[in-house]
């Protein structure tokens, strides 16, 4: 089983590979060829592509037009294992 830092490293590598905005085209093709589906642990840059291409349930959905800015600030807290962003009052 992969540790937390190994998972984050793989996510960062995948993010760098898809940083040009191409989307995970090869990965989606592989999944379709082999009939793979279900929930996907994705990078923040791949969410919309995976949803459109596969109708997949993704773990990180950064469509801010749908969820608002709060989702953007809650992601780093979730990655650190914190309960959530604290609003200053």
PDB file of N, CA and C in Angstrom:
ATOM      1  N   UNK A   1       0.847  -1.181   0.000  1.00  0.00           N
ATOM      2  CA  UNK A   1       0.000   0.000   0.000  1.00  0.00           C
ATOM      3  C   UNK A   1       0.893   1.246   0.000  1.00  0.00           C
ATOM      4  N   UNK A   2       0.520   2.229  -0.781  1.00  0.00           N
ATOM      5  CA  UNK A   2       1.289   3.449  -0.876  1.00  0.00           C
ATOM      6  C   UNK A   2       1.062   4.342   0.332  1.00  0.00           C
ATOM      7  N   UNK A   3       2.119   5.013   0.761  1.00  0.00           N
ATOM      8  CA  UNK A   3       2.005   5.976   1.834  1.00  0.00           C
ATOM      9  C   UNK A   3       1.492   7.306   1.299  1.00  0.00           C
ATOM     10  N   UNK A   4       1.138   8.181   2.214  1.00  0.00           N
ATOM     11  CA  UNK A   4       0.587   9.493   1.868  1.00  0.00           C
ATOM     12  C   UNK A   4       1.534  10.271   0.964  1.00  0.00           C
ATOM     13  N   UNK A   5       2.832  10.310   1.306  1.00  0.00           N
ATOM     14  CA  UNK A   5       3.790  11.081   0.509  1.00  0.00           C
ATOM     15  C   UNK A   5       3.975  10.471  -0.872  1.00  0.00           C
ATOM     16  N   UNK A   6       3.898   9.149  -0.990  1.00  0.00           N
ATOM     17  CA  UNK A   6       4.014   8.500  -2.298  1.00  0.00           C
ATOM     18  C   UNK A   6       2.822   8.837  -3.178  1.00  0.00           C
ATOM     19  N   UNK A   7       1.631   8.862  -2.600  1.00  0.00           N
ATOM     20  CA  UNK A   7       0.433   9.209  -3.364  1.00  0.00           C
ATOM     21  C   UNK A   7       0.537  10.651  -3.845  1.00  0.00           C
ATOM     22  N   UNK A   8       0.938  11.566  -2.953  1.00  0.00           N
ATOM     23  CA  UNK A   8       1.078  12.966  -3.357  1.00  0.00           C
ATOM     24  C   UNK A   8       2.130  13.124  -4.437  1.00  0.00           C
ATOM     25  N   UNK A   9       3.217  12.369  -4.352  1.00  0.00           N
ATOM     26  CA  UNK A   9       4.263  12.434  -5.372  1.00  0.00           C
ATOM     27  C   UNK A   9       3.717  11.998  -6.723  1.00  0.00           C
ATOM     28  N   UNK A  10       2.944  10.935  -6.738  1.00  0.00           N
ATOM     29  CA  UNK A  10       2.351  10.474  -7.998  1.00  0.00           C
ATOM     30  C   UNK A  10       1.353  11.485  -8.550  1.00  0.00           C
ATOM     31  N   UNK A  11       0.583  12.099  -7.666  1.00  0.00           N
ATOM     32  CA  UNK A  11      -0.362  13.127  -8.101  1.00  0.00           C
ATOM     33  C   UNK A  11       0.396  14.294  -8.718  1.00  0.00           C
ATOM     34  N   UNK A  12       1.489  14.724  -8.079  1.00  0.00           N
ATOM     35  CA  UNK A  12       2.282  15.828  -8.599  1.00  0.00           C
ATOM     36  C   UNK A  12       2.906  15.480  -9.945  1.00  0.00           C
ATOM     37  N   UNK A  13       3.376  14.254 -10.108  1.00  0.00           N
ATOM     38  CA  UNK A  13       3.952  13.829 -11.383  1.00  0.00           C
ATOM     39  C   UNK A  13       2.894  13.845 -12.483  1.00  0.00           C
ATOM     40  N   UNK A  14       1.711  13.361 -12.168  1.00  0.00           N
ATOM     41  CA  UNK A  14       0.631  13.358 -13.152  1.00  0.00           C
ATOM     42  C   UNK A  14       0.209  14.774 -13.485  1.00  0.00           C
ATOM     43  N   UNK A  15       0.158  15.640 -12.476  1.00  0.00           N
ATOM     44  CA  UNK A  15      -0.197  17.043 -12.709  1.00  0.00           C
ATOM     45  C   UNK A  15       0.807  17.691 -13.645  1.00  0.00           C
ATOM     46  N   UNK A  16       2.089  17.447 -13.430  1.00  0.00           N
ATOM     47  CA  UNK A  16       3.124  18.030 -14.296  1.00  0.00           C
ATOM     48  C   UNK A  16       2.995  17.500 -15.718  1.00  0.00           C
ATOM     49  N   UNK A  17       2.665  16.220 -15.849  1.00  0.00           N
ATOM     50  CA  UNK A  17       2.526  15.612 -17.179  1.00  0.00           C
ATOM     51  C   UNK A  17       1.363  16.224 -17.945  1.00  0.00           C
ATOM     52  N   UNK A  18       0.307  16.612 -17.246  1.00  0.00           N
ATOM     53  CA  UNK A  18      -0.883  17.148 -17.904  1.00  0.00           C
ATOM     54  C   UNK A  18      -1.002  18.649 -17.769  1.00  0.00           C
ATOM     55  N   UNK A  19       0.065  19.297 -17.344  1.00  0.00           N
ATOM     56  CA  UNK A  19       0.045  20.733 -17.117  1.00  0.00           C
ATOM     57  C   UNK A  19      -0.256  21.560 -18.350  1.00  0.00           C
ATOM     58  N   UNK A  20      -0.064  21.016 -19.524  1.00  0.00           N
ATOM     59  CA  UNK A  20      -0.305  21.769 -20.759  1.00  0.00           C
ATOM     60  C   UNK A  20      -1.788  21.898 -21.066  1.00  0.00           C
ATOM     61  N   UNK A  21      -2.656  21.320 -20.239  1.00  0.00           N
ATOM     62  CA  UNK A  21      -4.089  21.440 -20.461  1.00  0.00           C
ATOM     63  C   UNK A  21      -4.648  20.396 -21.420  1.00  0.00           C
ATOM     64  N   UNK A  22      -3.837  19.440 -21.806  1.00  0.00           N
ATOM     65  CA  UNK A  22      -4.268  18.392 -22.733  1.00  0.00           C
ATOM     66  C   UNK A  22      -5.301  17.474 -22.095  1.00  0.00           C
ATOM     67  N   UNK A  23      -5.177  17.266 -20.820  1.00  0.00           N
ATOM     68  CA  UNK A  23      -6.050  16.321 -20.145  1.00  0.00           C
ATOM     69  C   UNK A  23      -5.458  14.929 -20.222  1.00  0.00           C
ATOM     70  N   UNK A  24      -5.944  14.020 -19.407  1.00  0.00           N
ATOM     71  CA  UNK A  24      -5.407  12.660 -19.375  1.00  0.00           C
ATOM     72  C   UNK A  24      -5.967  11.791 -20.507  1.00  0.00           C
ATOM     73  N   UNK A  25      -5.679  12.171 -21.736  1.00  0.00           N
ATOM     74  CA  UNK A  25      -6.234  11.493 -22.912  1.00  0.00           C
ATOM     75  C   UNK A  25      -5.817  10.033 -22.959  1.00  0.00           C
ATOM     76  N   UNK A  26      -4.523   9.756 -22.775  1.00  0.00           N
ATOM     77  CA  UNK A  26      -4.035   8.378 -22.847  1.00  0.00           C
ATOM     78  C   UNK A  26      -4.644   7.514 -21.748  1.00  0.00           C
ATOM     79  N   UNK A  27      -4.761   8.083 -20.562  1.00  0.00           N
ATOM     80  CA  UNK A  27      -5.327   7.333 -19.449  1.00  0.00           C
ATOM     81  C   UNK A  27      -6.797   6.997 -19.685  1.00  0.00           C
ATOM     82  N   UNK A  28      -7.547   7.967 -20.212  1.00  0.00           N
ATOM     83  CA  UNK A  28      -8.964   7.732 -20.507  1.00  0.00           C
ATOM     84  C   UNK A  28      -9.109   6.679 -21.595  1.00  0.00           C
ATOM     85  N   UNK A  29      -8.265   6.729 -22.610  1.00  0.00           N
ATOM     86  CA  UNK A  29      -8.300   5.708 -23.666  1.00  0.00           C
ATOM     87  C   UNK A  29      -8.040   4.328 -23.085  1.00  0.00           C
ATOM     88  N   UNK A  30      -7.061   4.228 -22.200  1.00  0.00           N
ATOM     89  CA  UNK A  30      -6.738   2.953 -21.555  1.00  0.00           C
ATOM     90  C   UNK A  30      -7.939   2.444 -20.756  1.00  0.00           C
ATOM     91  N   UNK A  31      -8.551   3.323 -19.987  1.00  0.00           N
ATOM     92  CA  UNK A  31      -9.699   2.924 -19.173  1.00  0.00           C
ATOM     93  C   UNK A  31     -10.852   2.438 -20.040  1.00  0.00           C
ATOM     94  N   UNK A  32     -11.110   3.135 -21.139  1.00  0.00           N
ATOM     95  CA  UNK A  32     -12.200   2.724 -22.030  1.00  0.00           C
ATOM     96  C   UNK A  32     -11.897   1.381 -22.683  1.00  0.00           C
ATOM     97  N   UNK A  33     -10.657   1.180 -23.131  1.00  0.00           N
ATOM     98  CA  UNK A  33     -10.279  -0.087 -23.780  1.00  0.00           C
ATOM     99  C   UNK A  33     -10.434  -1.273 -22.839  1.00  0.00           C
ATOM    100  N   UNK A  34     -10.167  -1.060 -21.558  1.00  0.00           N
ATOM    101  CA  UNK A  34     -10.176  -2.168 -20.600  1.00  0.00           C
ATOM    102  C   UNK A  34     -11.421  -2.205 -19.727  1.00  0.00           C
ATOM    103  N   UNK A  35     -12.400  -1.349 -20.029  1.00  0.00           N
ATOM    104  CA  UNK A  35     -13.658  -1.363 -19.295  1.00  0.00           C
ATOM    105  C   UNK A  35     -13.523  -0.976 -17.829  1.00  0.00           C
ATOM    106  N   UNK A  36     -12.585  -0.104 -17.526  1.00  0.00           N
ATOM    107  CA  UNK A  36     -12.369   0.324 -16.142  1.00  0.00           C
ATOM    108  C   UNK A  36     -13.289   1.486 -15.814  1.00  0.00           C
ATOM    109  N   UNK A  37     -13.719   1.562 -14.580  1.00  0.00           N
ATOM    110  CA  UNK A  37     -14.599   2.642 -14.160  1.00  0.00           C
ATOM    111  C   UNK A  37     -14.580   2.777 -12.657  1.00  0.00           C
ATOM    112  N   UNK A  38     -15.566   3.446 -12.127  1.00  0.00           N
ATOM    113  CA  UNK A  38     -15.635   3.665 -10.688  1.00  0.00           C
ATOM    114  C   UNK A  38     -15.046   5.001 -10.305  1.00  0.00           C
ATOM    115  N   UNK A  39     -14.798   5.160  -9.028  1.00  0.00           N
ATOM    116  CA  UNK A  39     -14.233   6.415  -8.527  1.00  0.00           C
ATOM    117  C   UNK A  39     -12.760   6.527  -8.936  1.00  0.00           C
ATOM    118  N   UNK A  40     -12.336   7.772  -9.162  1.00  0.00           N
ATOM    119  CA  UNK A  40     -10.972   8.009  -9.631  1.00  0.00           C
ATOM    120  C   UNK A  40     -10.277   8.990  -8.698  1.00  0.00           C
ATOM    121  N   UNK A  41      -9.048   8.638  -8.286  1.00  0.00           N
ATOM    122  CA  UNK A  41      -8.194   9.569  -7.552  1.00  0.00           C
ATOM    123  C   UNK A  41      -7.461  10.383  -8.606  1.00  0.00           C
ATOM    124  N   UNK A  42      -7.845  11.617  -8.745  1.00  0.00           N
ATOM    125  CA  UNK A  42      -7.350  12.448  -9.843  1.00  0.00           C
ATOM    126  C   UNK A  42      -6.587  13.665  -9.348  1.00  0.00           C
ATOM    127  N   UNK A  43      -5.967  14.347 -10.295  1.00  0.00           N
ATOM    128  CA  UNK A  43      -5.322  15.623  -9.997  1.00  0.00           C
ATOM    129  C   UNK A  43      -6.354  16.730 -10.174  1.00  0.00           C
ATOM    130  N   UNK A  44      -6.125  17.888  -9.545  1.00  0.00           N
ATOM    131  CA  UNK A  44      -7.076  18.988  -9.714  1.00  0.00           C
ATOM    132  C   UNK A  44      -7.230  19.450 -11.165  1.00  0.00           C
ATOM    133  N   UNK A  45      -6.203  19.239 -11.993  1.00  0.00           N
ATOM    134  CA  UNK A  45      -6.273  19.694 -13.381  1.00  0.00           C
ATOM    135  C   UNK A  45      -7.051  18.742 -14.284  1.00  0.00           C
ATOM    136  N   UNK A  46      -7.273  17.515 -13.836  1.00  0.00           N
ATOM    137  CA  UNK A  46      -7.901  16.513 -14.696  1.00  0.00           C
ATOM    138  C   UNK A  46      -9.385  16.333 -14.428  1.00  0.00           C
ATOM    139  N   UNK A  47      -9.926  16.949 -13.403  1.00  0.00           N
ATOM    140  CA  UNK A  47     -11.291  16.670 -12.968  1.00  0.00           C
ATOM    141  C   UNK A  47     -12.339  16.864 -14.060  1.00  0.00           C
ATOM    142  N   UNK A  48     -12.362  18.019 -14.666  1.00  0.00           N
ATOM    143  CA  UNK A  48     -13.407  18.308 -15.647  1.00  0.00           C
ATOM    144  C   UNK A  48     -13.299  17.391 -16.864  1.00  0.00           C
ATOM    145  N   UNK A  49     -12.090  17.117 -17.305  1.00  0.00           N
ATOM    146  CA  UNK A  49     -11.895  16.223 -18.450  1.00  0.00           C
ATOM    147  C   UNK A  49     -12.426  14.828 -18.138  1.00  0.00           C
ATOM    148  N   UNK A  50     -12.104  14.312 -16.950  1.00  0.00           N
ATOM    149  CA  UNK A  50     -12.558  12.971 -16.576  1.00  0.00           C
ATOM    150  C   UNK A  50     -14.070  12.902 -16.453  1.00  0.00           C
ATOM    151  N   UNK A  51     -14.654  13.953 -15.917  1.00  0.00           N
ATOM    152  CA  UNK A  51     -16.111  13.977 -15.783  1.00  0.00           C
ATOM    153  C   UNK A  51     -16.761  13.972 -17.162  1.00  0.00           C
ATOM    154  N   UNK A  52     -16.236  14.799 -18.074  1.00  0.00           N
ATOM    155  CA  UNK A  52     -16.822  14.877 -19.424  1.00  0.00           C
ATOM    156  C   UNK A  52     -16.542  13.620 -20.244  1.00  0.00           C
ATOM    157  N   UNK A  53     -15.321  13.095 -20.174  1.00  0.00           N
ATOM    158  CA  UNK A  53     -14.937  11.961 -21.017  1.00  0.00           C
ATOM    159  C   UNK A  53     -15.508  10.636 -20.538  1.00  0.00           C
ATOM    160  N   UNK A  54     -15.610  10.469 -19.220  1.00  0.00           N
ATOM    161  CA  UNK A  54     -16.026   9.179 -18.675  1.00  0.00           C
ATOM    162  C   UNK A  54     -17.318   9.226 -17.870  1.00  0.00           C
ATOM    163  N   UNK A  55     -17.741  10.423 -17.501  1.00  0.00           N
ATOM    164  CA  UNK A  55     -18.857  10.517 -16.564  1.00  0.00           C
ATOM    165  C   UNK A  55     -18.439   9.977 -15.208  1.00  0.00           C
ATOM    166  N   UNK A  56     -17.142  10.097 -14.916  1.00  0.00           N
ATOM    167  CA  UNK A  56     -16.560   9.482 -13.726  1.00  0.00           C
ATOM    168  C   UNK A  56     -16.848  10.281 -12.461  1.00  0.00           C
ATOM    169  N   UNK A  57     -16.847   9.562 -11.339  1.00  0.00           N
ATOM    170  CA  UNK A  57     -16.883  10.206 -10.031  1.00  0.00           C
ATOM    171  C   UNK A  57     -15.428  10.450  -9.649  1.00  0.00           C
ATOM    172  N   UNK A  58     -15.065  11.707  -9.510  1.00  0.00           N
ATOM    173  CA  UNK A  58     -13.684  12.052  -9.220  1.00  0.00           C
ATOM    174  C   UNK A  58     -13.524  12.430  -7.753  1.00  0.00           C
ATOM    175  N   UNK A  59     -12.311  12.274  -7.248  1.00  0.00           N
ATOM    176  CA  UNK A  59     -12.064  12.600  -5.842  1.00  0.00           C
ATOM    177  C   UNK A  59     -11.831  14.090  -5.631  1.00  0.00           C
ATOM    178  N   UNK A  60     -11.276  14.776  -6.638  1.00  0.00           N
ATOM    179  CA  UNK A  60     -11.023  16.205  -6.533  1.00  0.00           C
ATOM    180  C   UNK A  60     -11.750  16.890  -7.685  1.00  0.00           C
ATOM    181  N   UNK A  61     -12.779  17.646  -7.369  1.00  0.00           N
ATOM    182  CA  UNK A  61     -13.572  18.341  -8.382  1.00  0.00           C
ATOM    183  C   UNK A  61     -13.433  19.839  -8.137  1.00  0.00           C
ATOM    184  N   UNK A  62     -12.653  20.499  -8.971  1.00  0.00           N
ATOM    185  CA  UNK A  62     -12.345  21.911  -8.761  1.00  0.00           C
ATOM    186  C   UNK A  62     -13.135  22.825  -9.694  1.00  0.00           C
ATOM    187  N   UNK A  63     -14.322  22.397 -10.090  1.00  0.00           N
ATOM    188  CA  UNK A  63     -15.146  23.270 -10.927  1.00  0.00           C
ATOM    189  C   UNK A  63     -15.702  24.385 -10.050  1.00  0.00           C
ATOM    190  N   UNK A  64     -14.938  25.482  -9.973  1.00  0.00           N
ATOM    191  CA  UNK A  64     -15.286  26.576  -9.069  1.00  0.00           C
ATOM    192  C   UNK A  64     -16.586  27.254  -9.462  1.00  0.00           C
ATOM    193  N   UNK A  65     -16.934  27.203 -10.743  1.00  0.00           N
ATOM    194  CA  UNK A  65     -18.211  27.790 -11.154  1.00  0.00           C
ATOM    195  C   UNK A  65     -19.385  27.037 -10.533  1.00  0.00           C
ATOM    196  N   UNK A  66     -19.160  25.774 -10.188  1.00  0.00           N
ATOM    197  CA  UNK A  66     -20.202  24.948  -9.588  1.00  0.00           C
ATOM    198  C   UNK A  66     -20.168  25.002  -8.058  1.00  0.00           C
ATOM    199  N   UNK A  67     -18.971  24.969  -7.485  1.00  0.00           N
ATOM    200  CA  UNK A  67     -18.834  24.860  -6.037  1.00  0.00           C
ATOM    201  C   UNK A  67     -18.409  26.143  -5.337  1.00  0.00           C
ATOM    202  N   UNK A  68     -17.892  27.109  -6.078  1.00  0.00           N
ATOM    203  CA  UNK A  68     -17.460  28.367  -5.468  1.00  0.00           C
ATOM    204  C   UNK A  68     -16.044  28.308  -4.939  1.00  0.00           C
ATOM    205  N   UNK A  69     -15.598  29.436  -4.424  1.00  0.00           N
ATOM    206  CA  UNK A  69     -14.218  29.573  -3.965  1.00  0.00           C
ATOM    207  C   UNK A  69     -13.891  28.716  -2.750  1.00  0.00           C
ATOM    208  N   UNK A  70     -14.878  28.399  -1.942  1.00  0.00           N
ATOM    209  CA  UNK A  70     -14.617  27.630  -0.717  1.00  0.00           C
ATOM    210  C   UNK A  70     -13.930  26.302  -1.039  1.00  0.00           C
ATOM    211  N   UNK A  71     -14.323  25.662  -2.138  1.00  0.00           N
ATOM    212  CA  UNK A  71     -13.706  24.389  -2.519  1.00  0.00           C
ATOM    213  C   UNK A  71     -12.214  24.554  -2.768  1.00  0.00           C
ATOM    214  N   UNK A  72     -11.821  25.675  -3.344  1.00  0.00           N
ATOM    215  CA  UNK A  72     -10.408  25.936  -3.620  1.00  0.00           C
ATOM    216  C   UNK A  72      -9.605  26.004  -2.330  1.00  0.00           C
ATOM    217  N   UNK A  73     -10.173  26.591  -1.290  1.00  0.00           N
ATOM    218  CA  UNK A  73      -9.466  26.728  -0.029  1.00  0.00           C
ATOM    219  C   UNK A  73      -9.552  25.468   0.830  1.00  0.00           C
ATOM    220  N   UNK A  74     -10.550  24.637   0.626  1.00  0.00           N
ATOM    221  CA  UNK A  74     -10.684  23.424   1.431  1.00  0.00           C
ATOM    222  C   UNK A  74      -9.773  22.303   0.944  1.00  0.00           C
ATOM    223  N   UNK A  75      -9.377  22.322  -0.335  1.00  0.00           N
ATOM    224  CA  UNK A  75      -8.525  21.255  -0.866  1.00  0.00           C
ATOM    225  C   UNK A  75      -7.203  21.132  -0.114  1.00  0.00           C
ATOM    226  N   UNK A  76      -6.433  22.206   0.081  1.00  0.00           N
ATOM    227  CA  UNK A  76      -5.165  22.053   0.826  1.00  0.00           C
ATOM    228  C   UNK A  76      -5.379  21.543   2.250  1.00  0.00           C
ATOM    229  N   UNK A  77      -6.462  21.962   2.893  1.00  0.00           N
ATOM    230  CA  UNK A  77      -6.760  21.468   4.245  1.00  0.00           C
ATOM    231  C   UNK A  77      -7.028  19.968   4.213  1.00  0.00           C
ATOM    232  N   UNK A  78      -7.780  19.525   3.244  1.00  0.00           N
ATOM    233  CA  UNK A  78      -8.088  18.096   3.133  1.00  0.00           C
ATOM    234  C   UNK A  78      -6.824  17.289   2.850  1.00  0.00           C
ATOM    235  N   UNK A  79      -5.919  17.830   2.018  1.00  0.00           N
ATOM    236  CA  UNK A  79      -4.686  17.121   1.702  1.00  0.00           C
ATOM    237  C   UNK A  79      -3.773  17.009   2.919  1.00  0.00           C
ATOM    238  N   UNK A  80      -3.884  17.958   3.851  1.00  0.00           N
ATOM    239  CA  UNK A  80      -3.096  17.888   5.090  1.00  0.00           C
ATOM    240  C   UNK A  80      -3.826  17.112   6.180  1.00  0.00           C
ATOM    241  N   UNK A  81      -5.044  16.673   5.923  1.00  0.00           N
ATOM    242  CA  UNK A  81      -5.804  15.931   6.912  1.00  0.00           C
ATOM    243  C   UNK A  81      -6.493  16.799   7.936  1.00  0.00           C
ATOM    244  N   UNK A  82      -6.654  18.081   7.627  1.00  0.00           N
ATOM    245  CA  UNK A  82      -7.329  18.993   8.550  1.00  0.00           C
ATOM    246  C   UNK A  82      -8.829  18.971   8.302  1.00  0.00           C
ATOM    247  N   UNK A  83      -9.583  19.413   9.269  1.00  0.00           N
ATOM    248  CA  UNK A  83     -11.045  19.376   9.177  1.00  0.00           C
ATOM    249  C   UNK A  83     -11.575  20.335   8.117  1.00  0.00           C
ATOM    250  N   UNK A  84     -10.943  21.452   7.913  1.00  0.00           N
ATOM    251  CA  UNK A  84     -11.427  22.411   6.927  1.00  0.00           C
ATOM    252  C   UNK A  84     -10.867  23.788   7.195  1.00  0.00           C
ATOM    253  N   UNK A  85     -11.121  24.672   6.299  1.00  0.00           N
ATOM    254  CA  UNK A  85     -10.616  26.042   6.424  1.00  0.00           C
ATOM    255  C   UNK A  85     -11.378  26.745   7.528  1.00  0.00           C
ATOM    256  N   UNK A  86     -10.676  27.463   8.336  1.00  0.00           N
ATOM    257  CA  UNK A  86     -11.297  28.233   9.406  1.00  0.00           C
ATOM    258  C   UNK A  86     -11.573  29.635   8.903  1.00  0.00           C
ATOM    259  N   UNK A  87     -12.821  30.063   8.983  1.00  0.00           N
ATOM    260  CA  UNK A  87     -13.162  31.431   8.612  1.00  0.00           C
ATOM    261  C   UNK A  87     -12.751  32.357   9.735  1.00  0.00           C
ATOM    262  N   UNK A  88     -12.136  33.466   9.377  1.00  0.00           N
ATOM    263  CA  UNK A  88     -11.765  34.431  10.410  1.00  0.00           C
ATOM    264  C   UNK A  88     -12.973  35.301  10.736  1.00  0.00           C
ATOM    265  N   UNK A  89     -13.223  35.469  12.003  1.00  0.00           N
ATOM    266  CA  UNK A  89     -14.366  36.294  12.441  1.00  0.00           C
ATOM    267  C   UNK A  89     -13.914  37.419  13.304  1.00  0.00           C
TER     268      UNK A  89
END
